[in-house]
C-alpha atoms as a PDB file:
ATOM      1  CA  UNK A   1       0.161  14.133   9.735  1.00  0.00           C
ATOM      2  CA  UNK A   2      -0.246  11.550   7.528  1.00  0.00           C
ATOM      3  CA  UNK A   3      -1.040  12.168   3.865  1.00  0.00           C
ATOM      4  CA  UNK A   4      -3.419  12.369   2.079  1.00  0.00           C
ATOM      5  CA  UNK A   5      -5.159  13.602   5.346  1.00  0.00           C
ATOM      6  CA  UNK A   6      -8.720  15.233   5.603  1.00  0.00           C
ATOM      7  CA  UNK A   7      -9.320  18.609   6.664  1.00  0.00           C
ATOM      8  CA  UNK A   8     -12.611  20.770   7.916  1.00  0.00           C
ATOM      9  CA  UNK A   9     -14.588  23.737   8.883  1.00  0.00           C
ATOM     10  CA  UNK A  10     -18.232  24.927   8.431  1.00  0.00           C
ATOM     11  CA  UNK A  11     -19.866  24.215   5.727  1.00  0.00           C
ATOM     12  CA  UNK A  12     -22.882  21.928   4.010  1.00  0.00           C
ATOM     13  CA  UNK A  13     -21.153  18.824   2.853  1.00  0.00           C
ATOM     14  CA  UNK A  14     -22.123  16.490   5.704  1.00  0.00           C
ATOM     15  CA  UNK A  15     -23.250  16.716   9.296  1.00  0.00           C
ATOM     16  CA  UNK A  16     -21.320  15.807  12.474  1.00  0.00           C
ATOM     17  CA  UNK A  17     -22.928  15.994  15.815  1.00  0.00           C
ATOM     18  CA  UNK A  18     -25.714  18.237  14.562  1.00  0.00           C
ATOM     19  CA  UNK A  19     -23.436  20.666  12.572  1.00  0.00           C
ATOM     20  CA  UNK A  20     -22.869  21.116   8.810  1.00  0.00           C
ATOM     21  CA  UNK A  21     -19.247  20.706   7.924  1.00  0.00           C
ATOM     22  CA  UNK A  22     -17.167  20.843   4.371  1.00  0.00           C
ATOM     23  CA  UNK A  23     -14.369  18.770   4.083  1.00  0.00           C
ATOM     24  CA  UNK A  24     -10.515  19.191   1.936  1.00  0.00           C
ATOM     25  CA  UNK A  25      -8.182  16.439   1.175  1.00  0.00           C
ATOM     26  CA  UNK A  26      -4.476  17.201   1.234  1.00  0.00           C
ATOM     27  CA  UNK A  27      -1.711  15.286  -0.306  1.00  0.00           C
ATOM     28  CA  UNK A  28       1.238  17.356   1.637  1.00  0.00           C
ATOM     29  CA  UNK A  29       2.568  19.480   4.372  1.00  0.00           C
ATOM     30  CA  UNK A  30       2.821  22.095   1.972  1.00  0.00           C
ATOM     31  CA  UNK A  31      -0.812  21.650   0.933  1.00  0.00           C
ATOM     32  CA  UNK A  32      -2.088  21.286   4.533  1.00  0.00           C
ATOM     33  CA  UNK A  33      -0.060  24.982   5.534  1.00  0.00           C
ATOM     34  CA  UNK A  34      -1.794  26.714   3.383  1.00  0.00           C
ATOM     35  CA  UNK A  35      -5.297  24.933   4.140  1.00  0.00           C
ATOM     36  CA  UNK A  36      -4.995  25.188   7.523  1.00  0.00           C
ATOM     37  CA  UNK A  37      -3.648  29.088   7.098  1.00  0.00           C
ATOM     38  CA  UNK A  38      -7.157  29.621   5.033  1.00  0.00           C
ATOM     39  CA  UNK A  39      -9.364  28.293   7.869  1.00  0.00           C
ATOM     40  CA  UNK A  40      -8.814  24.738   7.562  1.00  0.00           C
ATOM     41  CA  UNK A  41      -9.007  22.515  11.008  1.00  0.00           C
ATOM     42  CA  UNK A  42      -7.182  18.950  11.071  1.00  0.00           C
ATOM     43  CA  UNK A  43     -10.280  17.749  13.579  1.00  0.00           C
ATOM     44  CA  UNK A  44     -13.480  18.836  14.023  1.00  0.00           C
ATOM     45  CA  UNK A  45     -13.505  22.760  14.965  1.00  0.00           C
ATOM     46  CA  UNK A  46     -15.186  23.071  18.318  1.00  0.00           C
ATOM     47  CA  UNK A  47     -15.595  26.846  17.962  1.00  0.00           C
ATOM     48  CA  UNK A  48     -16.733  27.993  14.726  1.00  0.00           C
ATOM     49  CA  UNK A  49     -14.095  30.810  14.480  1.00  0.00           C
ATOM     50  CA  UNK A  50     -10.952  28.531  16.001  1.00  0.00           C
ATOM     51  CA  UNK A  51     -10.730  26.052  12.305  1.00  0.00           C
ATOM     52  CA  UNK A  52      -6.988  25.109  13.505  1.00  0.00           C
ATOM     53  CA  UNK A  53      -8.017  23.659  16.723  1.00  0.00           C
ATOM     54  CA  UNK A  54      -5.646  25.882  19.313  1.00  0.00           C
ATOM     55  CA  UNK A  55      -8.020  27.938  20.738  1.00  0.00           C
ATOM     56  CA  UNK A  56      -7.028  31.428  19.044  1.00  0.00           C
ATOM     57  CA  UNK A  57      -9.609  33.075  16.276  1.00  0.00           C
ATOM     58  CA  UNK A  58      -7.876  32.517  13.000  1.00  0.00           C
ATOM     59  CA  UNK A  59      -9.273  33.587   9.266  1.00  0.00           C
ATOM     60  CA  UNK A  60     -11.041  36.270   8.295  1.00  0.00           C
ATOM     61  CA  UNK A  61     -12.820  33.966   6.276  1.00  0.00           C
ATOM     62  CA  UNK A  62     -14.157  32.111   8.982  1.00  0.00           C
ATOM     63  CA  UNK A  63     -17.987  31.854   8.701  1.00  0.00           C
ATOM     64  CA  UNK A  64     -20.262  33.510  11.749  1.00  0.00           C
ATOM     65  CA  UNK A  65     -23.061  30.913  13.157  1.00  0.00           C
ATOM     66  CA  UNK A  66     -26.511  31.471  11.815  1.00  0.00           C
ATOM     67  CA  UNK A  67     -27.943  32.382  14.752  1.00  0.00           C
ATOM     68  CA  UNK A  68     -25.416  35.288  15.064  1.00  0.00           C
ATOM     69  CA  UNK A  69     -25.944  36.806  11.347  1.00  0.00           C
END
């Protein structure tokens, strides 16, 4: 990964393919690891609970889809 880098998770900052996301910019590997452990994704999250894109559910802070609430 090249830095600075942008990471994503569900939110309200911008729309991407009909879904709303937030972004954060990280400046180095340490910041990236912290953000990823907090539920941010290197690419577009493919599943609302799969923020690191590896197919595993992560983080208790992950948001539920609006229709699940």
